[in-house]
């Protein structure tokens, strides 16, 4: 098997701009596309890219506004974020894929399930919700970031660990926490603010019942941002969906990678047609 020579990030031209992308795995394998959370980059998926490249062509990308992908003026909306995924698939000549997103990436996955389910064999919505947070809170955060620029991004990075990880993980894995803080601190303020506005505007609670693609709702048992109750509520509405809970907070793929990967691998094995 010849492993595709794009494991290092590169810039992929699409009809919606150039996106920073990395690809692991053989091109003949089924595609799994991974979507990052707000304030992180495709590097958050390093462990999962290595694990899943044995059985999938793993495509990671930086969401619009993040880490070298287009930073166009905001506000963005979830339609933009979903259309970006489809443009990346088209640019890579991928007709159908599986999708796994965390937090904002998971919310994008819900949009894809509603509006482009025919392009996906399976969708994993991790540490997310059909409506994330409160619109006013997102709008205020966007305004603060625009007003204070890089300084505001550093302030967010300083306060992020308590939202992203359990106290035990913060104590025991300071190197992972620092790495994640570095991703957030380096995000372009306009891109971050515009994505905050996308989350402020988006409410998919009335539409996710239309999702017919096999769907996994994965939650962190200690997630204070998008709770187990949020995942349960989506699971109750999306026909045939499955629920998994892992011992982690919000960035569960970093805090509990083995449990995360086991839940995702089991779901994909049951949902993706063999080739």
Protein backbone atom coordinates (compact mmCIF):
# COMPACT_ATOMS: atom_id res chain seq x y z
CA UNK A 1 0.00 0.00 0.00
CA UNK A 2 1.34 3.41 -0.95
CA UNK A 3 0.63 6.04 1.69
CA UNK A 4 -0.44 9.37 0.20
CA UNK A 5 2.34 11.93 0.45
CA UNK A 6 0.39 14.74 2.12
CA UNK A 7 0.71 13.87 5.81
CA UNK A 8 2.33 17.29 6.24
CA UNK A 9 -0.13 20.16 5.88
CA UNK A 10 -0.42 21.80 2.48
CA UNK A 11 -2.68 24.41 0.88
CA UNK A 12 -5.53 23.01 -1.18
CA UNK A 13 -7.14 25.33 -3.76
CA UNK A 14 -10.94 25.09 -3.81
CA UNK A 15 -13.77 27.15 -5.26
CA UNK A 16 -14.11 28.70 -1.77
CA UNK A 17 -10.45 29.57 -1.25
CA UNK A 18 -7.25 27.81 -0.22
CA UNK A 19 -7.61 25.59 2.83
CA UNK A 20 -4.82 24.18 4.96
CA UNK A 21 -5.21 20.42 4.70
CA UNK A 22 -3.34 17.25 5.67
CA UNK A 23 -3.99 13.76 4.32
CA UNK A 24 -2.93 10.45 5.88
CA UNK A 25 -3.64 7.04 4.39
CA UNK A 26 -4.00 5.34 1.05
CA UNK A 27 -6.16 7.04 -1.57
CA UNK A 28 -8.00 3.77 -2.27
CA UNK A 29 -9.43 3.65 1.26
CA UNK A 30 -12.75 5.18 2.38
CA UNK A 31 -12.33 8.85 3.31
CA UNK A 32 -12.74 10.17 6.84
CA UNK A 33 -12.70 13.96 7.14
CA UNK A 34 -11.91 15.51 10.54
CA UNK A 35 -13.09 19.00 11.52
CA UNK A 36 -11.51 21.02 14.33
CA UNK A 37 -13.15 22.86 17.20
CA UNK A 38 -13.30 26.64 17.57
CA UNK A 39 -9.84 27.98 18.39
CA UNK A 40 -7.83 24.89 17.43
CA UNK A 41 -6.15 23.60 14.28
CA UNK A 42 -5.92 20.34 12.37
CA UNK A 43 -3.00 19.40 14.63
CA UNK A 44 -5.57 18.52 17.30
CA UNK A 45 -6.22 15.31 15.32
CA UNK A 46 -2.62 14.02 15.18
CA UNK A 47 -3.34 10.89 17.24
CA UNK A 48 -6.55 10.07 15.38
CA UNK A 49 -4.93 10.63 11.98
CA UNK A 50 -2.26 8.06 12.84
CA UNK A 51 -4.77 5.55 14.21
CA UNK A 52 -7.38 5.76 11.46
CA UNK A 53 -4.94 5.97 8.51
CA UNK A 54 -4.66 2.18 8.68
CA UNK A 55 -8.23 1.81 7.41
CA UNK A 56 -9.20 5.23 6.06
CA UNK A 57 -7.91 8.06 3.93
CA UNK A 58 -7.91 10.67 6.71
CA UNK A 59 -8.40 14.27 5.57
CA UNK A 60 -7.88 17.00 8.16
CA UNK A 61 -8.48 20.66 7.42
CA UNK A 62 -8.46 23.99 9.22
CA UNK A 63 -11.88 25.59 9.42
CA UNK A 64 -12.31 28.97 7.73
CA UNK A 65 -10.69 31.65 9.88
CA UNK A 66 -8.25 29.20 11.47
CA UNK A 67 -4.59 28.37 10.99
CA UNK A 68 -3.83 29.31 7.38
CA UNK A 69 -7.27 28.64 5.91
CA UNK A 70 -9.11 31.68 4.47
CA UNK A 71 -9.66 34.53 6.91
CA UNK A 72 -12.44 36.33 5.10
CA UNK A 73 -14.36 39.18 6.77
CA UNK A 74 -17.15 38.06 9.10
CA UNK A 75 -19.68 37.30 10.15
CA UNK A 76 -19.63 33.71 8.94
CA UNK A 77 -22.58 31.35 9.19
CA UNK A 78 -22.82 27.60 9.43
CA UNK A 79 -23.83 27.44 5.77
CA UNK A 80 -20.37 28.83 4.97
CA UNK A 81 -18.63 26.25 7.14
CA UNK A 82 -20.61 23.38 5.64
CA UNK A 83 -20.08 24.58 2.07
CA UNK A 84 -16.33 24.71 2.77
CA UNK A 85 -16.33 20.99 3.61
CA UNK A 86 -18.13 20.15 0.38
CA UNK A 87 -15.66 22.32 -1.58
CA UNK A 88 -12.72 20.45 -0.02
CA UNK A 89 -14.27 17.09 -0.94
CA UNK A 90 -14.89 18.31 -4.50
CA UNK A 91 -11.33 19.62 -4.83
CA UNK A 92 -10.04 16.19 -3.80
CA UNK A 93 -12.49 14.38 -6.15
CA UNK A 94 -14.13 12.64 -3.19
CA UNK A 95 -17.74 11.77 -3.96
CA UNK A 96 -18.61 10.40 -0.54
CA UNK A 97 -16.90 10.39 2.87
CA UNK A 98 -17.42 9.93 6.56
CA UNK A 99 -17.21 13.02 8.75
CA UNK A 100 -16.11 13.55 12.33
CA UNK A 101 -16.15 16.97 13.93
CA UNK A 102 -15.69 18.22 17.46
CA UNK A 103 -17.55 21.19 18.99
CA UNK A 104 -17.89 23.73 16.14
CA UNK A 105 -16.80 20.94 13.79
CA UNK A 106 -19.54 18.71 15.15
CA UNK A 107 -22.10 21.46 14.61
CA UNK A 108 -20.87 21.69 11.02
CA UNK A 109 -21.46 17.94 10.78
CA UNK A 110 -25.08 18.41 11.80
CA UNK A 111 -25.52 20.99 9.03
CA UNK A 112 -23.99 18.56 6.54
CA UNK A 113 -26.35 15.82 7.70
CA UNK A 114 -29.34 18.10 7.17
CA UNK A 115 -28.29 19.66 3.85
CA UNK A 116 -25.86 17.22 2.19
CA UNK A 117 -26.44 13.85 3.78
CA UNK A 118 -26.07 12.09 0.43
CA UNK A 119 -22.35 12.97 0.45
CA UNK A 120 -21.68 11.09 3.71
CA UNK A 121 -21.66 7.46 4.79
CA UNK A 122 -21.53 8.42 8.47
CA UNK A 123 -21.34 11.56 10.61
CA UNK A 124 -19.82 11.71 14.11
CA UNK A 125 -20.90 14.77 16.09
CA UNK A 126 -18.56 15.07 19.07
CA UNK A 127 -18.82 17.41 22.06
CA UNK A 128 -21.37 19.51 20.25
CA UNK A 129 -25.02 20.53 20.20
CA UNK A 130 -27.74 21.63 17.79
CA UNK A 131 -27.52 25.05 19.48
CA UNK A 132 -24.22 25.85 21.19
CA UNK A 133 -24.29 28.48 23.89
CA UNK A 134 -26.20 31.77 23.85
CA UNK A 135 -26.19 34.17 20.91
CA UNK A 136 -25.45 37.21 23.07
CA UNK A 137 -22.43 35.53 24.64
CA UNK A 138 -20.93 34.67 21.25
CA UNK A 139 -21.62 38.15 19.89
CA UNK A 140 -19.99 39.79 22.90
CA UNK A 141 -16.95 37.54 22.59
CA UNK A 142 -16.65 38.40 18.88
CA UNK A 143 -16.81 42.12 19.66
CA UNK A 144 -14.17 41.81 22.38
CA UNK A 145 -11.80 39.92 20.10
CA UNK A 146 -12.22 42.44 17.30
CA UNK A 147 -11.62 45.34 19.68
CA UNK A 148 -8.55 43.88 21.39
CA UNK A 149 -6.98 41.67 18.71
CA UNK A 150 -4.10 39.39 19.61
CA UNK A 151 -4.27 40.39 23.26
CA UNK A 152 -7.84 39.11 23.48
CA UNK A 153 -6.82 35.83 21.85
CA UNK A 154 -4.10 35.38 24.47
CA UNK A 155 -6.59 36.10 27.25
CA UNK A 156 -8.89 33.44 25.82
CA UNK A 157 -5.97 31.01 25.61
CA UNK A 158 -5.10 31.66 29.25
CA UNK A 159 -8.64 30.84 30.36
CA UNK A 160 -9.32 27.96 27.95
CA UNK A 161 -8.05 24.96 29.97
CA UNK A 162 -10.97 25.06 32.41
CA UNK A 163 -13.43 24.96 29.52
CA UNK A 164 -11.58 22.31 27.55
CA UNK A 165 -10.19 19.82 30.08
CA UNK A 166 -10.88 18.35 33.51
CA UNK A 167 -8.79 19.58 36.43
CA UNK A 168 -7.13 16.18 36.71
CA UNK A 169 -6.05 16.26 33.07
CA UNK A 170 -4.75 19.82 33.40
CA UNK A 171 -2.55 18.69 36.30
CA UNK A 172 -1.36 15.46 34.70
CA UNK A 173 -0.86 16.57 31.07
CA UNK A 174 0.39 20.17 31.15
CA UNK A 175 2.20 19.72 27.83
CA UNK A 176 -1.04 18.92 25.99
CA UNK A 177 -2.78 21.85 27.67
CA UNK A 178 0.00 24.25 26.64
CA UNK A 179 -0.11 22.93 23.08
CA UNK A 180 -3.85 23.55 22.84
CA UNK A 181 -3.46 27.02 24.34
CA UNK A 182 -0.86 27.77 21.69
CA UNK A 183 -3.30 26.89 18.91
CA UNK A 184 -5.91 29.26 20.32
CA UNK A 185 -3.45 32.09 20.93
CA UNK A 186 -2.32 31.93 17.31
CA UNK A 187 -5.76 32.14 15.66
CA UNK A 188 -6.44 35.29 13.62
CA UNK A 189 -8.78 37.51 15.67
CA UNK A 190 -11.10 38.22 12.72
CA UNK A 191 -11.38 34.52 11.87
CA UNK A 192 -12.14 33.60 15.46
CA UNK A 193 -14.67 36.41 15.86
CA UNK A 194 -16.42 35.51 12.60
CA UNK A 195 -16.73 31.86 13.70
CA UNK A 196 -18.17 33.02 17.04
CA UNK A 197 -20.79 34.87 15.03
CA UNK A 198 -21.57 31.71 13.05
CA UNK A 199 -22.29 29.91 16.33
CA UNK A 200 -24.34 32.85 17.57
CA UNK A 201 -26.55 32.71 14.49
CA UNK A 202 -26.95 28.95 14.12
CA UNK A 203 -29.79 26.95 15.66
CA UNK A 204 -30.32 23.52 14.10
CA UNK A 205 -32.73 22.16 16.71
CA UNK A 206 -35.67 22.38 14.35
CA UNK A 207 -33.95 20.65 11.43
CA UNK A 208 -31.75 17.82 12.71
CA UNK A 209 -34.73 15.46 12.72
CA UNK A 210 -34.30 15.35 8.93
CA UNK A 211 -30.87 13.70 9.21
CA UNK A 212 -30.98 10.21 7.68
CA UNK A 213 -27.21 9.54 7.56
CA UNK A 214 -25.93 7.20 10.30
CA UNK A 215 -25.00 9.54 13.14
CA UNK A 216 -22.93 9.20 16.31
CA UNK A 217 -23.43 11.68 19.16
CA UNK A 218 -20.29 11.52 21.30
CA UNK A 219 -20.16 13.44 24.58
CA UNK A 220 -17.63 14.02 27.31
CA UNK A 221 -18.90 12.96 30.72
CA UNK A 222 -17.41 16.11 32.29
CA UNK A 223 -18.01 18.56 29.44
CA UNK A 224 -19.42 21.84 30.82
CA UNK A 225 -19.82 23.40 27.36
CA UNK A 226 -21.77 20.83 25.36
CA UNK A 227 -23.16 18.37 27.86
CA UNK A 228 -24.22 14.75 27.85
CA UNK A 229 -27.79 16.08 28.01
CA UNK A 230 -27.17 17.97 24.75
CA UNK A 231 -26.04 14.74 23.08
CA UNK A 232 -29.00 12.84 24.50
CA UNK A 233 -31.40 15.47 23.17
CA UNK A 234 -29.96 15.13 19.66
CA UNK A 235 -29.98 11.36 19.88
CA UNK A 236 -33.68 11.44 20.71
CA UNK A 237 -34.42 13.44 17.57
CA UNK A 238 -32.09 11.90 14.96
CA UNK A 239 -33.56 8.58 13.89
CA UNK A 240 -31.23 5.62 14.37
CA UNK A 241 -28.46 7.70 15.91
CA UNK A 242 -26.11 6.31 18.54
CA UNK A 243 -24.81 7.81 21.77
CA UNK A 244 -21.35 7.38 23.26
CA UNK A 245 -19.99 8.98 26.43
CA UNK A 246 -16.25 9.12 27.13
CA UNK A 247 -14.40 10.11 30.34
CA UNK A 248 -13.35 13.61 29.34
CA UNK A 249 -14.30 17.25 29.18
CA UNK A 250 -14.78 19.29 25.99
CA UNK A 251 -11.77 18.32 23.85
CA UNK A 252 -12.39 14.64 24.36
CA UNK A 253 -10.18 13.39 21.54
CA UNK A 254 -7.19 14.94 23.35
CA UNK A 255 -8.17 14.02 26.90
CA UNK A 256 -9.41 10.46 26.29
CA UNK A 257 -7.98 9.44 22.90
CA UNK A 258 -8.33 5.69 23.37
CA UNK A 259 -11.97 5.85 24.43
CA UNK A 260 -12.70 8.41 21.70
CA UNK A 261 -11.05 6.29 19.01
CA UNK A 262 -12.77 3.11 20.18
CA UNK A 263 -16.20 4.75 20.02
CA UNK A 264 -15.52 6.28 16.61
CA UNK A 265 -13.97 3.12 15.14
CA UNK A 266 -16.88 0.98 16.34
CA UNK A 267 -19.39 3.38 14.84
CA UNK A 268 -17.58 3.63 11.51
CA UNK A 269 -17.16 -0.14 11.26
CA UNK A 270 -20.92 -0.49 11.59
CA UNK A 271 -21.78 2.37 9.21
CA UNK A 272 -19.24 2.60 6.37
CA UNK A 273 -19.61 0.19 3.44
CA UNK A 274 -16.57 -2.04 3.02
CA UNK A 275 -14.57 -1.68 -0.18
